[in-house]
Amino acid sequence: MQITLNDEQTACPEAVTLQALLEQQGLLKPGIALAVNEAIVPRSQWSEHVLQDGDNVLLFQVIAGG
């Protein structure tokens, strides 16, 4: 299965969750957020959200401002 992760084509196993993908890629760190197909996915749903072929995943660092 192919997805786009931060604008790069990435091969991943079928039925992989967001959390599993981040663990496999070494990207599961505090202070990150992500969107799938331009929709924010809450961290509480990462272990349940199964990616589909062609999904676009954008990972970004959360920055506090004021």
PDB file of N, CA and C in Angstrom:
ATOM      1  N   MET A   1       0.854  -1.166   0.000  1.00  0.00           N
ATOM      2  CA  MET A   1       0.000   0.000   0.000  1.00  0.00           C
ATOM      3  C   MET A   1       0.900   1.228   0.000  1.00  0.00           C
ATOM      4  N   GLN A   2       0.491   2.254  -0.730  1.00  0.00           N
ATOM      5  CA  GLN A   2       1.248   3.505  -0.821  1.00  0.00           C
ATOM      6  C   GLN A   2       0.472   4.634  -0.158  1.00  0.00           C
ATOM      7  N   ILE A   3       1.185   5.410   0.660  1.00  0.00           N
ATOM      8  CA  ILE A   3       0.627   6.632   1.225  1.00  0.00           C
ATOM      9  C   ILE A   3       1.629   7.746   0.970  1.00  0.00           C
ATOM     10  N   THR A   4       1.221   8.962   1.244  1.00  0.00           N
ATOM     11  CA  THR A   4       2.144  10.088   1.201  1.00  0.00           C
ATOM     12  C   THR A   4       2.342  10.549   2.637  1.00  0.00           C
ATOM     13  N   LEU A   5       3.585  10.564   3.089  1.00  0.00           N
ATOM     14  CA  LEU A   5       3.936  10.998   4.445  1.00  0.00           C
ATOM     15  C   LEU A   5       4.834  12.211   4.324  1.00  0.00           C
ATOM     16  N   ASN A   6       4.317  13.351   4.743  1.00  0.00           N
ATOM     17  CA  ASN A   6       5.064  14.616   4.626  1.00  0.00           C
ATOM     18  C   ASN A   6       5.600  14.817   3.207  1.00  0.00           C
ATOM     19  N   ASP A   7       4.718  14.677   2.236  1.00  0.00           N
ATOM     20  CA  ASP A   7       5.007  14.935   0.824  1.00  0.00           C
ATOM     21  C   ASP A   7       5.949  13.924   0.172  1.00  0.00           C
ATOM     22  N   GLU A   8       6.191  12.764   0.822  1.00  0.00           N
ATOM     23  CA  GLU A   8       7.025  11.722   0.231  1.00  0.00           C
ATOM     24  C   GLU A   8       6.230  10.428   0.147  1.00  0.00           C
ATOM     25  N   GLN A   9       6.283   9.779  -1.021  1.00  0.00           N
ATOM     26  CA  GLN A   9       5.624   8.486  -1.183  1.00  0.00           C
ATOM     27  C   GLN A   9       6.280   7.475  -0.254  1.00  0.00           C
ATOM     28  N   THR A  10       5.439   6.747   0.481  1.00  0.00           N
ATOM     29  CA  THR A  10       5.926   5.776   1.460  1.00  0.00           C
ATOM     30  C   THR A  10       5.129   4.490   1.326  1.00  0.00           C
ATOM     31  N   ALA A  11       5.832   3.367   1.268  1.00  0.00           N
ATOM     32  CA  ALA A  11       5.163   2.065   1.246  1.00  0.00           C
ATOM     33  C   ALA A  11       4.941   1.635   2.688  1.00  0.00           C
ATOM     34  N   CYS A  12       3.764   1.082   2.959  1.00  0.00           N
ATOM     35  CA  CYS A  12       3.468   0.583   4.296  1.00  0.00           C
ATOM     36  C   CYS A  12       2.538  -0.619   4.176  1.00  0.00           C
ATOM     37  N   PRO A  13       2.492  -1.435   5.234  1.00  0.00           N
ATOM     38  CA  PRO A  13       1.642  -2.624   5.188  1.00  0.00           C
ATOM     39  C   PRO A  13       0.160  -2.269   5.148  1.00  0.00           C
ATOM     40  N   GLU A  14      -0.633  -3.184   4.633  1.00  0.00           N
ATOM     41  CA  GLU A  14      -2.084  -3.015   4.647  1.00  0.00           C
ATOM     42  C   GLU A  14      -2.569  -2.928   6.095  1.00  0.00           C
ATOM     43  N   ALA A  15      -3.653  -2.211   6.302  1.00  0.00           N
ATOM     44  CA  ALA A  15      -4.330  -2.105   7.594  1.00  0.00           C
ATOM     45  C   ALA A  15      -3.410  -1.612   8.714  1.00  0.00           C
ATOM     46  N   VAL A  16      -2.497  -0.693   8.407  1.00  0.00           N
ATOM     47  CA  VAL A  16      -1.615  -0.125   9.426  1.00  0.00           C
ATOM     48  C   VAL A  16      -2.317   1.083  10.062  1.00  0.00           C
ATOM     49  N   THR A  17      -2.172   1.203  11.380  1.00  0.00           N
ATOM     50  CA  THR A  17      -2.753   2.356  12.077  1.00  0.00           C
ATOM     51  C   THR A  17      -1.751   3.506  12.052  1.00  0.00           C
ATOM     52  N   LEU A  18      -2.250   4.698  12.351  1.00  0.00           N
ATOM     53  CA  LEU A  18      -1.364   5.854  12.418  1.00  0.00           C
ATOM     54  C   LEU A  18      -0.263   5.631  13.445  1.00  0.00           C
ATOM     55  N   GLN A  19      -0.629   5.133  14.616  1.00  0.00           N
ATOM     56  CA  GLN A  19       0.364   4.917  15.661  1.00  0.00           C
ATOM     57  C   GLN A  19       1.422   3.915  15.220  1.00  0.00           C
ATOM     58  N   ALA A  20       1.015   2.818  14.606  1.00  0.00           N
ATOM     59  CA  ALA A  20       1.976   1.817  14.137  1.00  0.00           C
ATOM     60  C   ALA A  20       2.898   2.414  13.071  1.00  0.00           C
ATOM     61  N   LEU A  21       2.354   3.212  12.174  1.00  0.00           N
ATOM     62  CA  LEU A  21       3.172   3.847  11.143  1.00  0.00           C
ATOM     63  C   LEU A  21       4.224   4.747  11.776  1.00  0.00           C
ATOM     64  N   LEU A  22       3.815   5.569  12.727  1.00  0.00           N
ATOM     65  CA  LEU A  22       4.756   6.472  13.378  1.00  0.00           C
ATOM     66  C   LEU A  22       5.826   5.703  14.141  1.00  0.00           C
ATOM     67  N   GLU A  23       5.449   4.616  14.792  1.00  0.00           N
ATOM     68  CA  GLU A  23       6.420   3.784  15.499  1.00  0.00           C
ATOM     69  C   GLU A  23       7.414   3.170  14.516  1.00  0.00           C
ATOM     70  N   GLN A  24       6.934   2.645  13.396  1.00  0.00           N
ATOM     71  CA  GLN A  24       7.797   2.030  12.384  1.00  0.00           C
ATOM     72  C   GLN A  24       8.776   3.042  11.796  1.00  0.00           C
ATOM     73  N   GLN A  25       8.323   4.278  11.639  1.00  0.00           N
ATOM     74  CA  GLN A  25       9.153   5.318  11.035  1.00  0.00           C
ATOM     75  C   GLN A  25      10.016   6.050  12.069  1.00  0.00           C
ATOM     76  N   GLY A  26       9.864   5.733  13.356  1.00  0.00           N
ATOM     77  CA  GLY A  26      10.617   6.405  14.410  1.00  0.00           C
ATOM     78  C   GLY A  26      10.189   7.841  14.627  1.00  0.00           C
ATOM     79  N   LEU A  27       8.918   8.118  14.368  1.00  0.00           N
ATOM     80  CA  LEU A  27       8.411   9.487  14.438  1.00  0.00           C
ATOM     81  C   LEU A  27       7.463   9.734  15.611  1.00  0.00           C
ATOM     82  N   LEU A  28       7.230   8.742  16.438  1.00  0.00           N
ATOM     83  CA  LEU A  28       6.287   8.883  17.551  1.00  0.00           C
ATOM     84  C   LEU A  28       6.987   9.607  18.694  1.00  0.00           C
ATOM     85  N   LYS A  29       6.769  10.922  18.764  1.00  0.00           N
ATOM     86  CA  LYS A  29       7.437  11.779  19.746  1.00  0.00           C
ATOM     87  C   LYS A  29       6.413  12.720  20.372  1.00  0.00           C
ATOM     88  N   PRO A  30       6.709  13.232  21.556  1.00  0.00           N
ATOM     89  CA  PRO A  30       5.797  14.205  22.161  1.00  0.00           C
ATOM     90  C   PRO A  30       5.775  15.501  21.344  1.00  0.00           C
ATOM     91  N   GLY A  31       4.669  16.199  21.420  1.00  0.00           N
ATOM     92  CA  GLY A  31       4.573  17.504  20.778  1.00  0.00           C
ATOM     93  C   GLY A  31       4.313  17.468  19.286  1.00  0.00           C
ATOM     94  N   ILE A  32       3.848  16.337  18.764  1.00  0.00           N
ATOM     95  CA  ILE A  32       3.528  16.283  17.342  1.00  0.00           C
ATOM     96  C   ILE A  32       2.017  16.164  17.166  1.00  0.00           C
ATOM     97  N   ALA A  33       1.575  16.574  16.021  1.00  0.00           N
ATOM     98  CA  ALA A  33       0.171  16.436  15.627  1.00  0.00           C
ATOM     99  C   ALA A  33       0.185  15.955  14.188  1.00  0.00           C
ATOM    100  N   LEU A  34      -0.947  15.423  13.751  1.00  0.00           N
ATOM    101  CA  LEU A  34      -0.993  15.008  12.362  1.00  0.00           C
ATOM    102  C   LEU A  34      -2.382  15.132  11.777  1.00  0.00           C
ATOM    103  N   ALA A  35      -2.368  15.204  10.464  1.00  0.00           N
ATOM    104  CA  ALA A  35      -3.603  15.295   9.697  1.00  0.00           C
ATOM    105  C   ALA A  35      -3.562  14.212   8.627  1.00  0.00           C
ATOM    106  N   VAL A  36      -4.711  13.632   8.357  1.00  0.00           N
ATOM    107  CA  VAL A  36      -4.858  12.664   7.284  1.00  0.00           C
ATOM    108  C   VAL A  36      -5.851  13.256   6.293  1.00  0.00           C
ATOM    109  N   ASN A  37      -5.401  13.409   5.064  1.00  0.00           N
ATOM    110  CA  ASN A  37      -6.243  14.010   4.015  1.00  0.00           C
ATOM    111  C   ASN A  37      -6.816  15.348   4.472  1.00  0.00           C
ATOM    112  N   GLU A  38      -5.944  16.158   5.079  1.00  0.00           N
ATOM    113  CA  GLU A  38      -6.231  17.522   5.520  1.00  0.00           C
ATOM    114  C   GLU A  38      -7.196  17.623   6.695  1.00  0.00           C
ATOM    115  N   ALA A  39      -7.426  16.535   7.409  1.00  0.00           N
ATOM    116  CA  ALA A  39      -8.279  16.545   8.601  1.00  0.00           C
ATOM    117  C   ALA A  39      -7.435  16.121   9.804  1.00  0.00           C
ATOM    118  N   ILE A  40      -7.403  16.964  10.836  1.00  0.00           N
ATOM    119  CA  ILE A  40      -6.654  16.650  12.049  1.00  0.00           C
ATOM    120  C   ILE A  40      -7.225  15.391  12.691  1.00  0.00           C
ATOM    121  N   VAL A  41      -6.343  14.486  13.103  1.00  0.00           N
ATOM    122  CA  VAL A  41      -6.756  13.274  13.813  1.00  0.00           C
ATOM    123  C   VAL A  41      -6.243  13.411  15.248  1.00  0.00           C
ATOM    124  N   PRO A  42      -7.142  13.428  16.230  1.00  0.00           N
ATOM    125  CA  PRO A  42      -6.707  13.551  17.625  1.00  0.00           C
ATOM    126  C   PRO A  42      -5.805  12.390  18.029  1.00  0.00           C
ATOM    127  N   ARG A  43      -4.819  12.671  18.850  1.00  0.00           N
ATOM    128  CA  ARG A  43      -3.866  11.655  19.306  1.00  0.00           C
ATOM    129  C   ARG A  43      -4.587  10.455  19.913  1.00  0.00           C
ATOM    130  N   SER A  44      -5.704  10.678  20.572  1.00  0.00           N
ATOM    131  CA  SER A  44      -6.454   9.582  21.198  1.00  0.00           C
ATOM    132  C   SER A  44      -6.987   8.582  20.172  1.00  0.00           C
ATOM    133  N   GLN A  45      -7.020   8.958  18.888  1.00  0.00           N
ATOM    134  CA  GLN A  45      -7.533   8.077  17.838  1.00  0.00           C
ATOM    135  C   GLN A  45      -6.439   7.453  16.974  1.00  0.00           C
ATOM    136  N   TRP A  46      -5.179   7.775  17.230  1.00  0.00           N
ATOM    137  CA  TRP A  46      -4.088   7.279  16.392  1.00  0.00           C
ATOM    138  C   TRP A  46      -4.001   5.759  16.384  1.00  0.00           C
ATOM    139  N   SER A  47      -4.272   5.130  17.526  1.00  0.00           N
ATOM    140  CA  SER A  47      -4.150   3.670  17.586  1.00  0.00           C
ATOM    141  C   SER A  47      -5.328   2.957  16.919  1.00  0.00           C
ATOM    142  N   GLU A  48      -6.384   3.702  16.589  1.00  0.00           N
ATOM    143  CA  GLU A  48      -7.578   3.122  15.973  1.00  0.00           C
ATOM    144  C   GLU A  48      -7.737   3.504  14.503  1.00  0.00           C
ATOM    145  N   HIS A  49      -7.110   4.589  14.093  1.00  0.00           N
ATOM    146  CA  HIS A  49      -7.278   5.098  12.724  1.00  0.00           C
ATOM    147  C   HIS A  49      -6.444   4.259  11.752  1.00  0.00           C
ATOM    148  N   VAL A  50      -7.101   3.493  10.908  1.00  0.00           N
ATOM    149  CA  VAL A  50      -6.424   2.644   9.924  1.00  0.00           C
ATOM    150  C   VAL A  50      -6.267   3.428   8.625  1.00  0.00           C
ATOM    151  N   LEU A  51      -5.052   3.450   8.126  1.00  0.00           N
ATOM    152  CA  LEU A  51      -4.769   4.167   6.884  1.00  0.00           C
ATOM    153  C   LEU A  51      -5.260   3.389   5.678  1.00  0.00           C
ATOM    154  N   GLN A  52      -5.604   4.126   4.635  1.00  0.00           N
ATOM    155  CA  GLN A  52      -6.063   3.557   3.376  1.00  0.00           C
ATOM    156  C   GLN A  52      -5.048   3.897   2.283  1.00  0.00           C
ATOM    157  N   ASP A  53      -5.002   3.049   1.264  1.00  0.00           N
ATOM    158  CA  ASP A  53      -4.122   3.301   0.137  1.00  0.00           C
ATOM    159  C   ASP A  53      -4.391   4.693  -0.433  1.00  0.00           C
ATOM    160  N   GLY A  54      -3.324   5.469  -0.637  1.00  0.00           N
ATOM    161  CA  GLY A  54      -3.455   6.799  -1.208  1.00  0.00           C
ATOM    162  C   GLY A  54      -3.649   7.916  -0.194  1.00  0.00           C
ATOM    163  N   ASP A  55      -3.751   7.584   1.103  1.00  0.00           N
ATOM    164  CA  ASP A  55      -3.916   8.620   2.118  1.00  0.00           C
ATOM    165  C   ASP A  55      -2.722   9.561   2.124  1.00  0.00           C
ATOM    166  N   ASN A  56      -2.992  10.809   2.469  1.00  0.00           N
ATOM    167  CA  ASN A  56      -1.972  11.836   2.596  1.00  0.00           C
ATOM    168  C   ASN A  56      -1.846  12.187   4.077  1.00  0.00           C
ATOM    169  N   VAL A  57      -0.701  11.847   4.677  1.00  0.00           N
ATOM    170  CA  VAL A  57      -0.473  12.066   6.099  1.00  0.00           C
ATOM    171  C   VAL A  57       0.532  13.202   6.255  1.00  0.00           C
ATOM    172  N   LEU A  58       0.155  14.207   7.039  1.00  0.00           N
ATOM    173  CA  LEU A  58       1.036  15.343   7.296  1.00  0.00           C
ATOM    174  C   LEU A  58       1.324  15.385   8.788  1.00  0.00           C
ATOM    175  N   LEU A  59       2.587  15.280   9.138  1.00  0.00           N
ATOM    176  CA  LEU A  59       3.038  15.298  10.520  1.00  0.00           C
ATOM    177  C   LEU A  59       3.688  16.653  10.777  1.00  0.00           C
ATOM    178  N   PHE A  60       3.324  17.291  11.879  1.00  0.00           N
ATOM    179  CA  PHE A  60       3.923  18.581  12.179  1.00  0.00           C
ATOM    180  C   PHE A  60       4.138  18.755  13.667  1.00  0.00           C
ATOM    181  N   GLN A  61       5.073  19.613  14.000  1.00  0.00           N
ATOM    182  CA  GLN A  61       5.417  19.914  15.393  1.00  0.00           C
ATOM    183  C   GLN A  61       4.457  20.981  15.903  1.00  0.00           C
ATOM    184  N   VAL A  62       3.882  20.725  17.056  1.00  0.00           N
ATOM    185  CA  VAL A  62       2.987  21.692  17.682  1.00  0.00           C
ATOM    186  C   VAL A  62       3.836  22.778  18.323  1.00  0.00           C
ATOM    187  N   ILE A  63       3.495  24.022  18.042  1.00  0.00           N
ATOM    188  CA  ILE A  63       4.232  25.154  18.582  1.00  0.00           C
ATOM    189  C   ILE A  63       3.257  26.055  19.333  1.00  0.00           C
ATOM    190  N   ALA A  64       3.577  26.335  20.586  1.00  0.00           N
ATOM    191  CA  ALA A  64       2.738  27.225  21.385  1.00  0.00           C
ATOM    192  C   ALA A  64       3.133  28.667  21.091  1.00  0.00           C
ATOM    193  N   GLY A  65       2.155  29.489  21.025  1.00  0.00           N
ATOM    194  CA  GLY A  65       2.431  30.909  20.765  1.00  0.00           C
ATOM    195  C   GLY A  65       1.633  31.789  21.713  1.00  0.00           C
ATOM    196  N   GLY A  66       1.838  33.041  21.603  1.00  0.00           N
ATOM    197  CA  GLY A  66       1.078  33.900  22.489  1.00  0.00           C
ATOM    198  C   GLY A  66       1.165  35.321  22.129  1.00  0.00           C
TER     199      GLY A  66
END
